[in-house]
Amino acid sequence: MSTLGAILLAGGRATRVDGAAKPLFEVGGRTLLRRAVDAAAAAGASPLTIVGPQPSADATAQVAAAAASLPTTVTWVREQPPFGGPAAGVVAALDSWDATPEWSLVLACDLPGAEAAVARLVRDLVLLPSDTEGLCLADSRSRPQWLVGLYRTAALRRRSAALPDHGHGAPVHRLLDDLAIATVLAPETETADVDTWEDLTQARRRSTEEETP
């Protein structure tokens, strides 16, 4: 496909799991963060930027090990002030890029099915009309999942410039307003995120079932 960059959003408050670091939850032996990075890397994304708190030198062993396992080509940024929401995260990542790839993958780092989701986006992108500015997955109720999408970088930059306060506190749909975005229906295994402890339990159970002969 055309040139592709990736913005992986990993900086939320995770209030429904008591503030735990959702990207570091393990499902099937890999963290959700690693699944997102692997999905972006498999699609050939460069630059590949994680928006979230970069592990510090005094991080716990688990966090340090998770960070050390990531490709060296990954960069980290943080929206300022922190916890500005996904729109602010996208703006921060775009501002950090020197290059302007034709497409940007925007992906939340709480998706157990990240690799299948990104593969579907890349596969279906070539079927779209040339004037389409984005493609995102839709869940079983046909609701767009904006944080599982591919968007034209130029369009994202244009919309980012129009947001006040660098997008801080803005809902993600404000970033995507007026863009010609197509949706493609995808199975729950590709759109279900981990918002609660129950979601995590279900994701781990599903992963175990998939691995069982």
C-alpha atoms as a PDB file:
ATOM      1  CA  MET A   1       0.000   0.000   0.000  1.00  0.00           C
ATOM      2  CA  SER A   2       0.998   3.680  -0.021  1.00  0.00           C
ATOM      3  CA  THR A   3       3.212   5.097   2.714  1.00  0.00           C
ATOM      4  CA  LEU A   4       1.774   4.585   6.175  1.00  0.00           C
ATOM      5  CA  GLY A   5       2.483   5.987   9.620  1.00  0.00           C
ATOM      6  CA  ALA A   6       0.984   4.750  12.876  1.00  0.00           C
ATOM      7  CA  ILE A   7      -0.359   6.554  15.933  1.00  0.00           C
ATOM      8  CA  LEU A   8      -0.915   4.160  18.824  1.00  0.00           C
ATOM      9  CA  LEU A   9      -2.959   5.665  21.649  1.00  0.00           C
ATOM     10  CA  ALA A  10      -1.873   4.383  25.056  1.00  0.00           C
ATOM     11  CA  GLY A  11      -2.362   7.264  27.455  1.00  0.00           C
ATOM     12  CA  GLY A  12      -5.891   7.088  28.884  1.00  0.00           C
ATOM     13  CA  ARG A  13      -6.882   7.155  32.551  1.00  0.00           C
ATOM     14  CA  ALA A  14      -8.447   3.651  32.475  1.00  0.00           C
ATOM     15  CA  THR A  15     -10.894   4.548  35.229  1.00  0.00           C
ATOM     16  CA  ARG A  16     -13.001   1.407  34.694  1.00  0.00           C
ATOM     17  CA  VAL A  17     -10.024  -0.782  35.603  1.00  0.00           C
ATOM     18  CA  ASP A  18      -9.013   1.300  38.625  1.00  0.00           C
ATOM     19  CA  GLY A  19      -6.383   3.253  36.735  1.00  0.00           C
ATOM     20  CA  ALA A  20      -4.354   0.198  35.737  1.00  0.00           C
ATOM     21  CA  ALA A  21      -2.121   0.435  32.660  1.00  0.00           C
ATOM     22  CA  LYS A  22      -4.393  -1.268  30.120  1.00  0.00           C
ATOM     23  CA  PRO A  23      -1.743  -1.395  27.375  1.00  0.00           C
ATOM     24  CA  LEU A  24       0.307  -3.667  29.636  1.00  0.00           C
ATOM     25  CA  PHE A  25      -2.471  -6.211  30.155  1.00  0.00           C
ATOM     26  CA  GLU A  26      -1.383  -9.552  28.732  1.00  0.00           C
ATOM     27  CA  VAL A  27      -3.639 -11.546  26.444  1.00  0.00           C
ATOM     28  CA  GLY A  28      -2.284 -14.726  24.910  1.00  0.00           C
ATOM     29  CA  GLY A  29       1.238 -14.084  26.181  1.00  0.00           C
ATOM     30  CA  ARG A  30       1.583 -10.576  24.740  1.00  0.00           C
ATOM     31  CA  THR A  31       0.655  -7.176  26.103  1.00  0.00           C
ATOM     32  CA  LEU A  32      -2.051  -5.216  24.339  1.00  0.00           C
ATOM     33  CA  LEU A  33       0.603  -2.607  23.581  1.00  0.00           C
ATOM     34  CA  ARG A  34       2.797  -5.197  21.900  1.00  0.00           C
ATOM     35  CA  ARG A  35      -0.177  -6.448  19.887  1.00  0.00           C
ATOM     36  CA  ALA A  36      -0.792  -2.913  18.614  1.00  0.00           C
ATOM     37  CA  VAL A  37       2.882  -2.393  17.768  1.00  0.00           C
ATOM     38  CA  ASP A  38       3.061  -5.754  15.988  1.00  0.00           C
ATOM     39  CA  ALA A  39      -0.061  -4.895  13.990  1.00  0.00           C
ATOM     40  CA  ALA A  40       1.373  -1.552  12.880  1.00  0.00           C
ATOM     41  CA  ALA A  41       4.770  -3.039  12.085  1.00  0.00           C
ATOM     42  CA  ALA A  42       3.196  -5.828  10.020  1.00  0.00           C
ATOM     43  CA  ALA A  43       1.456  -3.147   7.949  1.00  0.00           C
ATOM     44  CA  GLY A  44       4.816  -1.476   7.304  1.00  0.00           C
ATOM     45  CA  ALA A  45       4.117   1.640   9.352  1.00  0.00           C
ATOM     46  CA  SER A  46       6.848   4.273   9.614  1.00  0.00           C
ATOM     47  CA  PRO A  47       6.907   6.456  11.610  1.00  0.00           C
ATOM     48  CA  LEU A  48       5.419   4.392  14.427  1.00  0.00           C
ATOM     49  CA  THR A  49       4.531   6.549  17.418  1.00  0.00           C
ATOM     50  CA  ILE A  50       3.095   5.598  20.794  1.00  0.00           C
ATOM     51  CA  VAL A  51       1.162   8.344  22.565  1.00  0.00           C
ATOM     52  CA  GLY A  52       1.426   7.720  26.276  1.00  0.00           C
ATOM     53  CA  PRO A  53       3.781   7.755  29.259  1.00  0.00           C
ATOM     54  CA  GLN A  54       7.167   6.341  28.286  1.00  0.00           C
ATOM     55  CA  PRO A  55       8.496   3.979  30.964  1.00  0.00           C
ATOM     56  CA  SER A  56      11.077   5.696  33.153  1.00  0.00           C
ATOM     57  CA  ALA A  57      14.388   4.338  34.407  1.00  0.00           C
ATOM     58  CA  ASP A  58      12.814   3.365  37.738  1.00  0.00           C
ATOM     59  CA  ALA A  59       9.854   1.539  36.179  1.00  0.00           C
ATOM     60  CA  THR A  60       8.797  -1.794  37.549  1.00  0.00           C
ATOM     61  CA  ALA A  61      10.361  -4.902  36.065  1.00  0.00           C
ATOM     62  CA  GLN A  62       7.162  -5.713  34.177  1.00  0.00           C
ATOM     63  CA  VAL A  63       6.947  -2.268  32.598  1.00  0.00           C
ATOM     64  CA  ALA A  64      10.661  -2.164  31.793  1.00  0.00           C
ATOM     65  CA  ALA A  65      10.532  -5.580  30.151  1.00  0.00           C
ATOM     66  CA  ALA A  66       7.506  -4.597  28.069  1.00  0.00           C
ATOM     67  CA  ALA A  67       9.227  -1.424  26.864  1.00  0.00           C
ATOM     68  CA  ALA A  68      12.510  -3.165  26.137  1.00  0.00           C
ATOM     69  CA  SER A  69      10.782  -5.706  23.896  1.00  0.00           C
ATOM     70  CA  LEU A  70       9.482  -3.051  21.503  1.00  0.00           C
ATOM     71  CA  PRO A  71      11.237  -2.307  18.199  1.00  0.00           C
ATOM     72  CA  THR A  72      13.857   0.433  18.419  1.00  0.00           C
ATOM     73  CA  THR A  73      12.073   2.325  15.639  1.00  0.00           C
ATOM     74  CA  VAL A  74       9.152   3.108  17.962  1.00  0.00           C
ATOM     75  CA  THR A  75       8.992   6.681  19.254  1.00  0.00           C
ATOM     76  CA  TRP A  76       7.049   8.017  22.227  1.00  0.00           C
ATOM     77  CA  VAL A  77       5.203  11.316  22.643  1.00  0.00           C
ATOM     78  CA  ARG A  78       2.719  12.706  25.166  1.00  0.00           C
ATOM     79  CA  GLU A  79      -0.001  15.249  24.688  1.00  0.00           C
ATOM     80  CA  GLN A  80       0.391  18.293  26.933  1.00  0.00           C
ATOM     81  CA  PRO A  81      -1.120  18.454  29.401  1.00  0.00           C
ATOM     82  CA  PRO A  82      -1.494  14.692  29.795  1.00  0.00           C
ATOM     83  CA  PHE A  83      -4.866  12.937  29.632  1.00  0.00           C
ATOM     84  CA  GLY A  84      -6.104  15.295  26.939  1.00  0.00           C
ATOM     85  CA  GLY A  85      -7.994  12.521  25.170  1.00  0.00           C
ATOM     86  CA  PRO A  86      -7.508  10.697  21.874  1.00  0.00           C
ATOM     87  CA  ALA A  87      -7.900  13.757  19.646  1.00  0.00           C
ATOM     88  CA  ALA A  88      -5.123  15.526  21.550  1.00  0.00           C
ATOM     89  CA  GLY A  89      -3.031  12.369  21.302  1.00  0.00           C
ATOM     90  CA  VAL A  90      -3.371  12.277  17.531  1.00  0.00           C
ATOM     91  CA  VAL A  91      -2.440  15.968  17.297  1.00  0.00           C
ATOM     92  CA  ALA A  92       0.651  15.423  19.459  1.00  0.00           C
ATOM     93  CA  ALA A  93       1.814  12.511  17.327  1.00  0.00           C
ATOM     94  CA  LEU A  94       1.313  14.403  14.067  1.00  0.00           C
ATOM     95  CA  ASP A  95       3.232  17.375  15.463  1.00  0.00           C
ATOM     96  CA  SER A  96       6.161  15.085  16.264  1.00  0.00           C
ATOM     97  CA  TRP A  97       6.472  13.732  12.711  1.00  0.00           C
ATOM     98  CA  ASP A  98       8.940  15.176  10.231  1.00  0.00           C
ATOM     99  CA  ALA A  99       7.564  13.043   7.415  1.00  0.00           C
ATOM    100  CA  THR A 100       4.009  13.059   6.084  1.00  0.00           C
ATOM    101  CA  PRO A 101       3.021   9.535   5.036  1.00  0.00           C
ATOM    102  CA  GLU A 102      -0.017   9.353   2.805  1.00  0.00           C
ATOM    103  CA  TRP A 103      -2.008   7.390   5.397  1.00  0.00           C
ATOM    104  CA  SER A 104      -2.046   7.316   9.190  1.00  0.00           C
ATOM    105  CA  LEU A 105      -3.159   4.318  11.210  1.00  0.00           C
ATOM    106  CA  VAL A 106      -4.912   5.461  14.382  1.00  0.00           C
ATOM    107  CA  LEU A 107      -5.179   2.583  16.798  1.00  0.00           C
ATOM    108  CA  ALA A 108      -6.170   2.303  20.445  1.00  0.00           C
ATOM    109  CA  CYS A 109      -3.831   0.112  22.497  1.00  0.00           C
ATOM    110  CA  ASP A 110      -6.584  -1.866  24.218  1.00  0.00           C
ATOM    111  CA  LEU A 111      -7.538  -4.176  21.344  1.00  0.00           C
ATOM    112  CA  PRO A 112      -6.763  -7.885  21.679  1.00  0.00           C
ATOM    113  CA  GLY A 113      -7.623  -8.317  17.996  1.00  0.00           C
ATOM    114  CA  ALA A 114      -5.405  -5.482  16.760  1.00  0.00           C
ATOM    115  CA  GLU A 115      -3.519  -7.508  14.159  1.00  0.00           C
ATOM    116  CA  ALA A 116      -6.626  -8.877  12.448  1.00  0.00           C
ATOM    117  CA  ALA A 117      -8.255  -5.434  12.599  1.00  0.00           C
ATOM    118  CA  VAL A 118      -5.327  -3.667  10.952  1.00  0.00           C
ATOM    119  CA  ALA A 119      -4.980  -6.399   8.345  1.00  0.00           C
ATOM    120  CA  ARG A 120      -8.646  -5.886   7.412  1.00  0.00           C
ATOM    121  CA  LEU A 121      -8.181  -2.117   7.116  1.00  0.00           C
ATOM    122  CA  VAL A 122      -5.146  -2.477   4.861  1.00  0.00           C
ATOM    123  CA  ARG A 123      -6.853  -5.120   2.747  1.00  0.00           C
ATOM    124  CA  ASP A 124     -10.030  -3.085   2.260  1.00  0.00           C
ATOM    125  CA  LEU A 125      -8.360   0.270   1.709  1.00  0.00           C
ATOM    126  CA  VAL A 126      -7.483  -0.528  -1.891  1.00  0.00           C
ATOM    127  CA  LEU A 127     -11.173  -1.026  -2.682  1.00  0.00           C
ATOM    128  CA  LEU A 128     -12.148   2.534  -1.792  1.00  0.00           C
ATOM    129  CA  PRO A 129     -12.715   5.432  -4.200  1.00  0.00           C
ATOM    130  CA  SER A 130      -9.671   7.655  -4.574  1.00  0.00           C
ATOM    131  CA  ASP A 131     -11.388  10.613  -2.885  1.00  0.00           C
ATOM    132  CA  THR A 132     -12.032   8.703   0.353  1.00  0.00           C
ATOM    133  CA  GLU A 133     -10.241  10.334   3.284  1.00  0.00           C
ATOM    134  CA  GLY A 134     -10.460   7.473   5.724  1.00  0.00           C
ATOM    135  CA  LEU A 135     -11.638   4.009   6.600  1.00  0.00           C
ATOM    136  CA  CYS A 136     -12.556   2.653  10.021  1.00  0.00           C
ATOM    137  CA  LEU A 137     -14.048  -0.540  11.320  1.00  0.00           C
ATOM    138  CA  ALA A 138     -17.636  -0.728  12.537  1.00  0.00           C
ATOM    139  CA  ASP A 139     -18.839  -3.086  15.253  1.00  0.00           C
ATOM    140  CA  SER A 140     -21.733  -5.514  15.068  1.00  0.00           C
ATOM    141  CA  ARG A 141     -24.180  -2.636  15.660  1.00  0.00           C
ATOM    142  CA  SER A 142     -22.629  -0.698  12.758  1.00  0.00           C
ATOM    143  CA  ARG A 143     -21.144   1.875  15.134  1.00  0.00           C
ATOM    144  CA  PRO A 144     -17.917   3.394  13.755  1.00  0.00           C
ATOM    145  CA  GLN A 145     -14.844   2.589  15.802  1.00  0.00           C
ATOM    146  CA  TRP A 146     -12.859   5.742  15.098  1.00  0.00           C
ATOM    147  CA  LEU A 147      -9.793   4.491  16.952  1.00  0.00           C
ATOM    148  CA  VAL A 148      -9.430   1.525  14.630  1.00  0.00           C
ATOM    149  CA  GLY A 149      -8.950   3.392  11.395  1.00  0.00           C
ATOM    150  CA  LEU A 150      -6.779   4.524   8.516  1.00  0.00           C
ATOM    151  CA  TYR A 151      -6.959   8.214   7.610  1.00  0.00           C
ATOM    152  CA  ARG A 152      -5.242  10.425   5.074  1.00  0.00           C
ATOM    153  CA  THR A 153      -2.494  12.229   6.960  1.00  0.00           C
ATOM    154  CA  ALA A 154      -3.046  15.503   5.113  1.00  0.00           C
ATOM    155  CA  ALA A 155      -6.709  15.457   6.151  1.00  0.00           C
ATOM    156  CA  LEU A 156      -5.803  14.748   9.774  1.00  0.00           C
ATOM    157  CA  ARG A 157      -3.295  17.603   9.755  1.00  0.00           C
ATOM    158  CA  ARG A 158      -5.899  19.951   8.315  1.00  0.00           C
ATOM    159  CA  ARG A 159      -8.474  19.000  10.937  1.00  0.00           C
ATOM    160  CA  SER A 160      -5.860  19.102  13.731  1.00  0.00           C
ATOM    161  CA  ALA A 161      -5.005  22.693  12.872  1.00  0.00           C
ATOM    162  CA  ALA A 162      -8.678  23.626  13.277  1.00  0.00           C
ATOM    163  CA  LEU A 163      -8.999  22.284  16.827  1.00  0.00           C
ATOM    164  CA  PRO A 164      -8.513  24.717  19.716  1.00  0.00           C
ATOM    165  CA  ASP A 165      -6.001  23.903  22.476  1.00  0.00           C
ATOM    166  CA  HIS A 166      -4.302  21.261  20.314  1.00  0.00           C
ATOM    167  CA  GLY A 167      -7.390  19.091  20.649  1.00  0.00           C
ATOM    168  CA  HIS A 168      -7.219  18.881  24.449  1.00  0.00           C
ATOM    169  CA  GLY A 169     -10.545  17.576  25.753  1.00  0.00           C
ATOM    170  CA  ALA A 170     -12.096  17.327  22.287  1.00  0.00           C
ATOM    171  CA  PRO A 171     -13.991  14.144  21.384  1.00  0.00           C
ATOM    172  CA  VAL A 172     -12.298  12.200  18.633  1.00  0.00           C
ATOM    173  CA  HIS A 173     -15.190  12.721  16.216  1.00  0.00           C
ATOM    174  CA  ARG A 174     -14.368  16.451  16.249  1.00  0.00           C
ATOM    175  CA  LEU A 175     -11.055  15.582  14.662  1.00  0.00           C
ATOM    176  CA  LEU A 176     -12.794  13.609  11.939  1.00  0.00           C
ATOM    177  CA  ASP A 177     -15.721  15.940  11.254  1.00  0.00           C
ATOM    178  CA  ASP A 178     -16.356  16.645   7.573  1.00  0.00           C
ATOM    179  CA  LEU A 179     -13.973  13.944   6.364  1.00  0.00           C
ATOM    180  CA  ALA A 180     -15.169  11.412   3.804  1.00  0.00           C
ATOM    181  CA  ILE A 181     -14.752   8.279   5.915  1.00  0.00           C
ATOM    182  CA  ALA A 182     -15.995   4.846   4.929  1.00  0.00           C
ATOM    183  CA  THR A 183     -16.783   2.114   7.433  1.00  0.00           C
ATOM    184  CA  VAL A 184     -16.466  -1.633   7.081  1.00  0.00           C
ATOM    185  CA  LEU A 185     -18.334  -4.078   9.286  1.00  0.00           C
ATOM    186  CA  ALA A 186     -15.976  -6.291  11.274  1.00  0.00           C
ATOM    187  CA  PRO A 187     -16.461  -9.177  13.720  1.00  0.00           C
ATOM    188  CA  GLU A 188     -16.427  -8.580  17.449  1.00  0.00           C
ATOM    189  CA  THR A 189     -13.024 -10.238  17.729  1.00  0.00           C
ATOM    190  CA  GLU A 190     -11.560  -7.282  15.799  1.00  0.00           C
ATOM    191  CA  THR A 191     -13.490  -4.424  17.388  1.00  0.00           C
ATOM    192  CA  ALA A 192     -13.923  -5.475  21.037  1.00  0.00           C
ATOM    193  CA  ASP A 193     -11.654  -3.466  23.331  1.00  0.00           C
ATOM    194  CA  VAL A 194     -10.724  -3.980  26.957  1.00  0.00           C
ATOM    195  CA  ASP A 195     -12.516  -1.370  29.042  1.00  0.00           C
ATOM    196  CA  THR A 196     -13.298  -3.409  32.165  1.00  0.00           C
ATOM    197  CA  TRP A 197     -11.910  -6.327  34.148  1.00  0.00           C
ATOM    198  CA  GLU A 198     -14.691  -8.449  32.693  1.00  0.00           C
ATOM    199  CA  ASP A 199     -13.579  -7.495  29.186  1.00  0.00           C
ATOM    200  CA  LEU A 200     -10.056  -8.629  30.053  1.00  0.00           C
ATOM    201  CA  THR A 201     -11.305 -11.953  31.383  1.00  0.00           C
ATOM    202  CA  GLN A 202     -13.336 -12.539  28.226  1.00  0.00           C
ATOM    203  CA  ALA A 203     -10.406 -11.614  25.986  1.00  0.00           C
ATOM    204  CA  ARG A 204      -8.130 -14.058  27.780  1.00  0.00           C
ATOM    205  CA  ARG A 205     -10.759 -16.785  27.609  1.00  0.00           C
ATOM    206  CA  ARG A 206     -11.238 -16.175  23.883  1.00  0.00           C
ATOM    207  CA  SER A 207      -7.472 -16.323  23.314  1.00  0.00           C
ATOM    208  CA  THR A 208      -7.229 -19.616  25.180  1.00  0.00           C
ATOM    209  CA  GLU A 209     -10.083 -21.084  23.158  1.00  0.00           C
ATOM    210  CA  GLU A 210      -8.436 -20.010  19.898  1.00  0.00           C
ATOM    211  CA  GLU A 211      -5.179 -21.695  20.886  1.00  0.00           C
ATOM    212  CA  THR A 212      -6.851 -24.943  21.952  1.00  0.00           C
ATOM    213  CA  PRO A 213      -6.735 -27.572  19.138  1.00  0.00           C
END
